[in-house]
């Protein structure tokens, strides 16, 4: 478990370092999260460090305990300057917050996935460290992932394998791609067609609703 928290710290620091050099145009670029710019994605990542648990529960109650609605409302209404949001992310690189019902694999998957949401529209390198990717992929294909990360039944009848990490899952129609592309696609985001191969790709795209 400690090792996964170390991975989280590294991912948060690396992302903060990347964001330090962003222009206003980059901050305002639409991310792969529908309706969110890069800025809203970063505001979402900083949210757990900006709300006490009691305050978060009160806000959850106000949204009918819909975490996605809370996250969206918070991210869109966040007023702090970009540099301050980066500072929050960096200052909390070693924070061990985990959402209820999940372990350290959840915040790691969150920051890795949202890192792709930021990097891909900006044409930045997307490679994920193999050890980090395997933890994220293991969560994304687990049953509990349907509570927060993926659609139920998304990978039924599909055999998914990474081309850059020692990882595979399932049986059936094949999907192969880099771990970064697989994480992004399984999370329901758009991935360039040439990043995935296999006879299961069209089915995955149909199920996610992403062309």
Protein backbone atom coordinates (compact mmCIF):
# COMPACT_ATOMS: atom_id res chain seq x y z
CA UNK A 1 0.00 0.00 0.00
CA UNK A 2 2.80 2.44 0.85
CA UNK A 3 4.24 1.80 -2.60
CA UNK A 4 0.99 2.91 -4.25
CA UNK A 5 0.95 6.11 -2.20
CA UNK A 6 4.48 6.76 -3.45
CA UNK A 7 3.17 6.37 -7.01
CA UNK A 8 0.41 8.89 -6.26
CA UNK A 9 2.95 11.39 -4.92
CA UNK A 10 5.06 11.06 -8.03
CA UNK A 11 2.09 11.48 -10.37
CA UNK A 12 0.85 14.58 -8.53
CA UNK A 13 4.29 16.20 -8.49
CA UNK A 14 4.90 15.41 -12.16
CA UNK A 15 1.54 16.88 -13.09
CA UNK A 16 2.14 19.98 -10.97
CA UNK A 17 5.52 20.48 -12.65
CA UNK A 18 3.85 20.19 -16.05
CA UNK A 19 1.10 22.65 -15.15
CA UNK A 20 3.64 25.22 -13.92
CA UNK A 21 4.58 25.96 -17.50
CA UNK A 22 1.08 26.22 -18.97
CA UNK A 23 -0.11 29.30 -20.81
CA UNK A 24 -3.59 30.76 -20.35
CA UNK A 25 -4.53 29.15 -23.66
CA UNK A 26 -3.51 25.72 -22.39
CA UNK A 27 -5.42 26.19 -19.13
CA UNK A 28 -8.54 27.03 -21.15
CA UNK A 29 -8.19 24.12 -23.59
CA UNK A 30 -11.14 21.67 -23.50
CA UNK A 31 -10.05 18.48 -21.77
CA UNK A 32 -11.27 14.96 -22.54
CA UNK A 33 -13.76 15.35 -19.66
CA UNK A 34 -16.98 16.55 -21.26
CA UNK A 35 -17.67 20.16 -20.35
CA UNK A 36 -14.39 20.68 -18.50
CA UNK A 37 -11.38 22.69 -19.56
CA UNK A 38 -7.94 21.77 -18.27
CA UNK A 39 -8.61 24.21 -15.42
CA UNK A 40 -11.70 22.33 -14.24
CA UNK A 41 -9.83 19.03 -14.28
CA UNK A 42 -7.14 20.48 -12.02
CA UNK A 43 -9.79 22.03 -9.75
CA UNK A 44 -11.36 18.58 -9.43
CA UNK A 45 -8.02 17.01 -8.49
CA UNK A 46 -7.52 19.68 -5.82
CA UNK A 47 -11.03 19.32 -4.39
CA UNK A 48 -10.33 16.57 -1.80
CA UNK A 49 -7.68 18.80 -0.21
CA UNK A 50 -9.97 21.83 -0.12
CA UNK A 51 -12.93 20.32 1.74
CA UNK A 52 -13.02 18.75 5.18
CA UNK A 53 -14.89 15.45 5.29
CA UNK A 54 -17.86 16.94 7.21
CA UNK A 55 -18.12 19.81 4.72
CA UNK A 56 -17.86 17.39 1.81
CA UNK A 57 -20.67 15.26 3.25
CA UNK A 58 -22.87 18.34 3.62
CA UNK A 59 -22.26 19.26 -0.01
CA UNK A 60 -22.88 15.64 -1.03
CA UNK A 61 -26.23 15.73 0.74
CA UNK A 62 -27.11 18.94 -1.12
CA UNK A 63 -26.53 17.13 -4.43
CA UNK A 64 -28.50 14.02 -3.47
CA UNK A 65 -25.23 12.19 -2.74
CA UNK A 66 -24.27 12.42 -6.40
CA UNK A 67 -20.46 12.68 -6.31
CA UNK A 68 -20.18 13.42 -10.04
CA UNK A 69 -22.58 16.35 -9.66
CA UNK A 70 -20.65 17.65 -6.66
CA UNK A 71 -17.34 17.38 -8.53
CA UNK A 72 -18.70 19.19 -11.56
CA UNK A 73 -20.28 21.98 -9.51
CA UNK A 74 -17.11 22.43 -7.47
CA UNK A 75 -14.79 22.43 -10.48
CA UNK A 76 -16.86 24.88 -12.50
CA UNK A 77 -17.33 27.28 -9.57
CA UNK A 78 -13.71 27.17 -8.35
CA UNK A 79 -12.39 30.73 -8.18
CA UNK A 80 -8.79 30.33 -7.03
CA UNK A 81 -6.04 31.30 -9.48
CA UNK A 82 -4.46 28.58 -11.59
CA UNK A 83 -1.14 28.86 -9.78
CA UNK A 84 -2.86 28.37 -6.42
CA UNK A 85 -4.55 25.19 -7.64
CA UNK A 86 -1.17 23.86 -8.76
CA UNK A 87 0.22 24.74 -5.34
CA UNK A 88 -2.57 22.79 -3.63
CA UNK A 89 -1.85 19.75 -5.80
CA UNK A 90 1.88 19.90 -5.08
CA UNK A 91 1.49 20.60 -1.35
CA UNK A 92 -0.75 17.53 -1.07
CA UNK A 93 1.35 15.19 -3.17
CA UNK A 94 1.74 12.88 -0.18
CA UNK A 95 -1.80 13.26 1.11
CA UNK A 96 -3.30 9.81 1.81
CA UNK A 97 -6.96 10.65 1.28
CA UNK A 98 -8.96 7.78 -0.23
CA UNK A 99 -12.65 7.91 -1.12
CA UNK A 100 -15.02 5.73 0.93
CA UNK A 101 -14.93 2.10 -0.20
CA UNK A 102 -11.66 2.42 -2.08
CA UNK A 103 -7.98 2.15 -1.29
CA UNK A 104 -4.95 3.98 -2.65
CA UNK A 105 -5.57 2.55 -6.10
CA UNK A 106 -8.48 5.00 -6.56
CA UNK A 107 -6.63 8.31 -6.19
CA UNK A 108 -3.79 6.90 -8.31
CA UNK A 109 -6.23 5.95 -11.06
CA UNK A 110 -7.89 9.35 -10.76
CA UNK A 111 -4.71 11.35 -11.22
CA UNK A 112 -3.41 9.07 -13.99
CA UNK A 113 -6.69 9.22 -15.91
CA UNK A 114 -7.08 12.97 -15.51
CA UNK A 115 -3.46 13.40 -16.50
CA UNK A 116 -4.45 11.84 -19.83
CA UNK A 117 -7.48 14.15 -20.00
CA UNK A 118 -5.08 17.09 -19.81
CA UNK A 119 -2.16 15.86 -21.89
CA UNK A 120 -3.93 14.39 -24.89
CA UNK A 121 -5.82 17.48 -26.14
CA UNK A 122 -2.58 19.48 -25.79
CA UNK A 123 -0.51 16.97 -27.76
CA UNK A 124 1.78 16.28 -24.80
CA UNK A 125 3.51 12.93 -24.06
CA UNK A 126 1.06 10.45 -22.59
CA UNK A 127 3.22 7.51 -21.45
CA UNK A 128 2.42 6.15 -17.98
CA UNK A 129 4.99 4.34 -15.82
CA UNK A 130 4.23 0.60 -16.23
CA UNK A 131 3.91 -0.06 -12.49
CA UNK A 132 1.46 2.85 -12.12
CA UNK A 133 -0.49 1.76 -15.18
CA UNK A 134 -0.92 -1.80 -13.91
CA UNK A 135 -2.43 -0.57 -10.61
CA UNK A 136 -4.83 1.70 -12.50
CA UNK A 137 -5.81 -0.96 -15.02
CA UNK A 138 -6.41 -3.53 -12.28
CA UNK A 139 -8.86 -1.13 -10.64
CA UNK A 140 -10.58 -0.20 -13.90
CA UNK A 141 -11.39 -3.85 -14.69
CA UNK A 142 -12.56 -4.64 -11.14
CA UNK A 143 -16.22 -4.88 -10.12
CA UNK A 144 -15.98 -1.89 -7.78
CA UNK A 145 -14.79 0.32 -10.65
CA UNK A 146 -18.42 0.55 -11.79
CA UNK A 147 -19.13 2.68 -8.71
CA UNK A 148 -17.01 5.56 -9.96
CA UNK A 149 -14.85 4.89 -13.00
CA UNK A 150 -16.43 2.69 -15.72
CA UNK A 151 -19.75 1.50 -17.09
CA UNK A 152 -21.05 -1.84 -15.84
CA UNK A 153 -20.43 -4.62 -18.34
CA UNK A 154 -18.08 -2.50 -20.42
CA UNK A 155 -15.47 -5.22 -20.86
CA UNK A 156 -17.73 -8.29 -20.95
CA UNK A 157 -16.52 -10.67 -23.67
CA UNK A 158 -13.35 -8.67 -24.31
CA UNK A 159 -9.70 -9.65 -23.91
CA UNK A 160 -7.64 -6.54 -23.17
CA UNK A 161 -3.83 -6.45 -23.22
CA UNK A 162 -1.23 -3.71 -22.84
CA UNK A 163 1.58 -3.53 -25.37
CA UNK A 164 3.98 -1.69 -23.05
CA UNK A 165 3.33 -3.39 -19.70
CA UNK A 166 2.93 -6.94 -18.42
CA UNK A 167 -0.83 -6.74 -18.10
CA UNK A 168 -3.88 -8.41 -19.62
CA UNK A 169 -7.45 -9.13 -18.63
CA UNK A 170 -10.45 -11.14 -19.79
CA UNK A 171 -11.20 -13.35 -22.75
CA UNK A 172 -12.99 -12.90 -26.04
CA UNK A 173 -12.58 -10.30 -28.77
CA UNK A 174 -9.13 -8.76 -28.51
CA UNK A 175 -8.13 -5.18 -27.77
CA UNK A 176 -4.47 -4.22 -27.63
CA UNK A 177 -2.85 -0.85 -27.01
CA UNK A 178 -0.51 1.11 -24.80
CA UNK A 179 -1.46 1.18 -21.13
CA UNK A 180 -2.16 4.92 -21.40
CA UNK A 181 -4.54 4.36 -24.31
CA UNK A 182 -6.29 1.49 -22.54
CA UNK A 183 -6.75 3.51 -19.34
CA UNK A 184 -8.20 6.39 -21.33
CA UNK A 185 -10.51 4.23 -23.42
CA UNK A 186 -11.81 2.11 -20.53
CA UNK A 187 -12.52 5.32 -18.61
CA UNK A 188 -14.79 6.32 -21.49
CA UNK A 189 -12.64 8.92 -23.19
CA UNK A 190 -11.77 9.31 -26.86
CA UNK A 191 -8.61 7.57 -28.02
CA UNK A 192 -7.17 8.00 -31.51
CA UNK A 193 -8.15 5.01 -33.61
CA UNK A 194 -4.58 3.98 -34.35
CA UNK A 195 -3.78 3.64 -30.64
CA UNK A 196 -5.94 0.51 -30.25
CA UNK A 197 -6.06 -2.64 -32.35
CA UNK A 198 -8.03 -5.87 -32.38
CA UNK A 199 -11.48 -7.11 -33.26
CA UNK A 200 -12.94 -5.88 -29.97
CA UNK A 201 -12.22 -2.20 -30.53
CA UNK A 202 -15.48 -1.43 -32.33
CA UNK A 203 -17.51 -3.06 -29.53
CA UNK A 204 -15.68 -1.06 -26.87
CA UNK A 205 -16.35 2.16 -28.75
CA UNK A 206 -20.03 1.29 -29.10
CA UNK A 207 -20.35 0.55 -25.38
CA UNK A 208 -18.62 3.73 -24.30
CA UNK A 209 -20.44 5.85 -26.84
CA UNK A 210 -17.11 7.34 -27.91
CA UNK A 211 -16.36 7.30 -31.62
